[in-house]
Amino acid sequence: MEDTPANAQVYAYANGQKPGCGFPLVYLAGIFSLSSGAWLGYAASPENRHDLTLNVDLVRKHIQPGDILVADRAYCAYWMLALTKVLGGDVLVRLHQTRVTGLGPRQKEKVIS
């Protein structure tokens, strides 16, 4: 963000930032179509929030039956998988590194339907 007094009142600076240095930060998450490349929507927050919480409304608004949500491991939450399924979509997401899956040592993926 531009380092103005108005932005400094709304948006925080990075943790550990020395006073008078740096720029205010906006936390931004977005959703776009892989088939067309179109930017479908975004959510912004003046405070440090996880991408998952920023995107809940985006998923509710933009996922339609037959859509596939492709996301990073930050979206590997059971409730996000369930929400997308309720909306009629599917999810392709990398498994979060702390999830225990019961996969064998040579098994790299698991399909859940």
C-alpha atoms as a PDB file:
ATOM      1  CA  MET A   1       0.000   0.000   0.000  1.00  0.00           C
ATOM      2  CA  GLU A   2       1.045   3.598  -0.457  1.00  0.00           C
ATOM      3  CA  ASP A   3       2.636   4.905   2.735  1.00  0.00           C
ATOM      4  CA  THR A   4       0.125   7.629   3.569  1.00  0.00           C
ATOM      5  CA  PRO A   5      -1.270   8.621   6.976  1.00  0.00           C
ATOM      6  CA  ALA A   6      -4.754   7.458   5.889  1.00  0.00           C
ATOM      7  CA  ASN A   7      -3.488   3.981   4.887  1.00  0.00           C
ATOM      8  CA  ALA A   8      -1.365   3.756   8.046  1.00  0.00           C
ATOM      9  CA  GLN A   9      -4.514   4.194  10.152  1.00  0.00           C
ATOM     10  CA  VAL A  10      -6.342   1.348   8.404  1.00  0.00           C
ATOM     11  CA  TYR A  11      -3.592  -1.094   7.419  1.00  0.00           C
ATOM     12  CA  ALA A  12      -0.851  -2.514   9.635  1.00  0.00           C
ATOM     13  CA  TYR A  13       2.872  -2.594   8.945  1.00  0.00           C
ATOM     14  CA  ALA A  14       4.856  -5.817   8.862  1.00  0.00           C
ATOM     15  CA  ASN A  15       5.712  -7.324  12.237  1.00  0.00           C
ATOM     16  CA  GLY A  16       9.059  -6.060  13.486  1.00  0.00           C
ATOM     17  CA  GLN A  17       9.014  -3.114  11.105  1.00  0.00           C
ATOM     18  CA  LYS A  18      10.947  -0.134  12.437  1.00  0.00           C
ATOM     19  CA  PRO A  19       8.847   3.037  12.843  1.00  0.00           C
ATOM     20  CA  GLY A  20       9.074   5.297   9.806  1.00  0.00           C
ATOM     21  CA  CYS A  21      10.167   2.457   7.486  1.00  0.00           C
ATOM     22  CA  GLY A  22       8.208   0.244   5.136  1.00  0.00           C
ATOM     23  CA  PHE A  23       4.690   0.313   3.817  1.00  0.00           C
ATOM     24  CA  PRO A  24       1.267  -0.620   5.175  1.00  0.00           C
ATOM     25  CA  LEU A  25       0.199  -4.130   4.145  1.00  0.00           C
ATOM     26  CA  VAL A  26      -3.120  -5.286   2.733  1.00  0.00           C
ATOM     27  CA  TYR A  27      -3.891  -9.003   2.934  1.00  0.00           C
ATOM     28  CA  LEU A  28      -5.434 -10.135  -0.329  1.00  0.00           C
ATOM     29  CA  ALA A  29      -6.880 -13.406  -1.604  1.00  0.00           C
ATOM     30  CA  GLY A  30      -8.367 -14.002  -5.017  1.00  0.00           C
ATOM     31  CA  ILE A  31     -10.167 -16.515  -7.166  1.00  0.00           C
ATOM     32  CA  PHE A  32      -9.902 -16.825 -10.931  1.00  0.00           C
ATOM     33  CA  SER A  33     -10.948 -19.128 -13.737  1.00  0.00           C
ATOM     34  CA  LEU A  34      -8.298 -21.484 -15.068  1.00  0.00           C
ATOM     35  CA  SER A  35     -10.265 -22.006 -18.292  1.00  0.00           C
ATOM     36  CA  SER A  36     -10.435 -18.329 -19.262  1.00  0.00           C
ATOM     37  CA  GLY A  37      -7.899 -16.675 -16.966  1.00  0.00           C
ATOM     38  CA  ALA A  38     -10.596 -14.244 -15.817  1.00  0.00           C
ATOM     39  CA  TRP A  39     -10.269 -12.705 -12.358  1.00  0.00           C
ATOM     40  CA  LEU A  40     -13.563 -13.644 -10.672  1.00  0.00           C
ATOM     41  CA  GLY A  41     -13.213 -11.878  -7.359  1.00  0.00           C
ATOM     42  CA  TYR A  42     -11.054 -10.964  -4.410  1.00  0.00           C
ATOM     43  CA  ALA A  43     -11.232 -10.368  -0.688  1.00  0.00           C
ATOM     44  CA  ALA A  44      -9.037  -7.913   1.183  1.00  0.00           C
ATOM     45  CA  SER A  45      -8.375  -7.421   4.865  1.00  0.00           C
ATOM     46  CA  PRO A  46      -6.414  -4.792   6.812  1.00  0.00           C
ATOM     47  CA  GLU A  47      -5.388  -7.424   9.352  1.00  0.00           C
ATOM     48  CA  ASN A  48      -3.336 -10.574   9.035  1.00  0.00           C
ATOM     49  CA  ARG A  49      -5.876 -13.322   8.368  1.00  0.00           C
ATOM     50  CA  HIS A  50      -5.374 -16.743   6.877  1.00  0.00           C
ATOM     51  CA  ASP A  51      -6.165 -17.069   3.155  1.00  0.00           C
ATOM     52  CA  LEU A  52      -8.762 -19.676   3.980  1.00  0.00           C
ATOM     53  CA  THR A  53     -10.883 -17.267   6.019  1.00  0.00           C
ATOM     54  CA  LEU A  54     -10.580 -14.597   3.339  1.00  0.00           C
ATOM     55  CA  ASN A  55     -11.795 -16.947   0.609  1.00  0.00           C
ATOM     56  CA  VAL A  56     -14.877 -18.469   2.242  1.00  0.00           C
ATOM     57  CA  ASP A  57     -17.206 -15.868   0.736  1.00  0.00           C
ATOM     58  CA  LEU A  58     -15.430 -16.118  -2.616  1.00  0.00           C
ATOM     59  CA  VAL A  59     -15.982 -19.871  -2.727  1.00  0.00           C
ATOM     60  CA  ARG A  60     -19.636 -19.495  -1.734  1.00  0.00           C
ATOM     61  CA  LYS A  61     -20.188 -16.860  -4.423  1.00  0.00           C
ATOM     62  CA  HIS A  62     -18.244 -18.377  -7.322  1.00  0.00           C
ATOM     63  CA  ILE A  63     -18.232 -22.187  -7.056  1.00  0.00           C
ATOM     64  CA  GLN A  64     -21.073 -23.704  -9.063  1.00  0.00           C
ATOM     65  CA  PRO A  65     -22.084 -27.311  -9.757  1.00  0.00           C
ATOM     66  CA  GLY A  66     -19.432 -28.997 -11.880  1.00  0.00           C
ATOM     67  CA  ASP A  67     -16.640 -26.555 -10.972  1.00  0.00           C
ATOM     68  CA  ILE A  68     -13.302 -27.761  -9.683  1.00  0.00           C
ATOM     69  CA  LEU A  69     -11.566 -25.698  -7.023  1.00  0.00           C
ATOM     70  CA  VAL A  70      -7.785 -25.990  -7.441  1.00  0.00           C
ATOM     71  CA  ALA A  71      -6.057 -24.656  -4.352  1.00  0.00           C
ATOM     72  CA  ASP A  72      -2.857 -24.841  -2.365  1.00  0.00           C
ATOM     73  CA  ARG A  73      -2.378 -26.722   0.892  1.00  0.00           C
ATOM     74  CA  ALA A  74      -3.797 -23.819   2.925  1.00  0.00           C
ATOM     75  CA  TYR A  75      -7.241 -24.973   1.726  1.00  0.00           C
ATOM     76  CA  CYS A  76      -6.804 -28.548   2.937  1.00  0.00           C
ATOM     77  CA  ALA A  77      -9.480 -28.242   5.613  1.00  0.00           C
ATOM     78  CA  TYR A  78     -12.316 -30.718   5.893  1.00  0.00           C
ATOM     79  CA  TRP A  79     -14.942 -27.999   6.173  1.00  0.00           C
ATOM     80  CA  MET A  80     -13.685 -26.340   2.958  1.00  0.00           C
ATOM     81  CA  LEU A  81     -13.869 -29.675   1.151  1.00  0.00           C
ATOM     82  CA  ALA A  82     -17.400 -30.189   2.499  1.00  0.00           C
ATOM     83  CA  LEU A  83     -18.487 -26.641   1.588  1.00  0.00           C
ATOM     84  CA  THR A  84     -17.277 -27.064  -1.983  1.00  0.00           C
ATOM     85  CA  LYS A  85     -19.023 -30.447  -2.230  1.00  0.00           C
ATOM     86  CA  VAL A  86     -22.302 -28.952  -0.917  1.00  0.00           C
ATOM     87  CA  LEU A  87     -22.036 -26.281  -3.624  1.00  0.00           C
ATOM     88  CA  GLY A  88     -21.751 -29.048  -6.233  1.00  0.00           C
ATOM     89  CA  GLY A  89     -18.056 -28.628  -6.926  1.00  0.00           C
ATOM     90  CA  ASP A  90     -14.972 -30.753  -6.464  1.00  0.00           C
ATOM     91  CA  VAL A  91     -11.610 -29.898  -4.933  1.00  0.00           C
ATOM     92  CA  LEU A  92      -8.074 -30.588  -6.062  1.00  0.00           C
ATOM     93  CA  VAL A  93      -5.783 -29.620  -3.215  1.00  0.00           C
ATOM     94  CA  ARG A  94      -2.346 -30.588  -2.012  1.00  0.00           C
ATOM     95  CA  LEU A  95      -2.429 -32.381   1.306  1.00  0.00           C
ATOM     96  CA  HIS A  96      -1.207 -30.213   4.169  1.00  0.00           C
ATOM     97  CA  GLN A  97       2.107 -31.421   5.581  1.00  0.00           C
ATOM     98  CA  THR A  98       0.632 -32.023   9.057  1.00  0.00           C
ATOM     99  CA  ARG A  99      -2.238 -34.245   7.874  1.00  0.00           C
ATOM    100  CA  VAL A 100      -1.959 -37.959   8.646  1.00  0.00           C
ATOM    101  CA  THR A 101      -3.392 -39.991   5.773  1.00  0.00           C
ATOM    102  CA  GLY A 102      -2.536 -43.622   6.294  1.00  0.00           C
ATOM    103  CA  LEU A 103      -0.922 -43.730   2.856  1.00  0.00           C
ATOM    104  CA  GLY A 104       1.783 -46.282   2.299  1.00  0.00           C
ATOM    105  CA  PRO A 105       5.423 -45.168   1.907  1.00  0.00           C
ATOM    106  CA  ARG A 106       5.264 -45.366  -1.908  1.00  0.00           C
ATOM    107  CA  GLN A 107       1.697 -44.135  -2.266  1.00  0.00           C
ATOM    108  CA  LYS A 108       1.715 -40.484  -3.319  1.00  0.00           C
ATOM    109  CA  GLU A 109      -1.963 -39.662  -3.731  1.00  0.00           C
ATOM    110  CA  LYS A 110      -5.423 -40.599  -2.569  1.00  0.00           C
ATOM    111  CA  VAL A 111      -8.763 -40.029  -4.245  1.00  0.00           C
ATOM    112  CA  ILE A 112     -11.710 -39.269  -1.978  1.00  0.00           C
ATOM    113  CA  SER A 113     -15.161 -39.115  -3.509  1.00  0.00           C
END
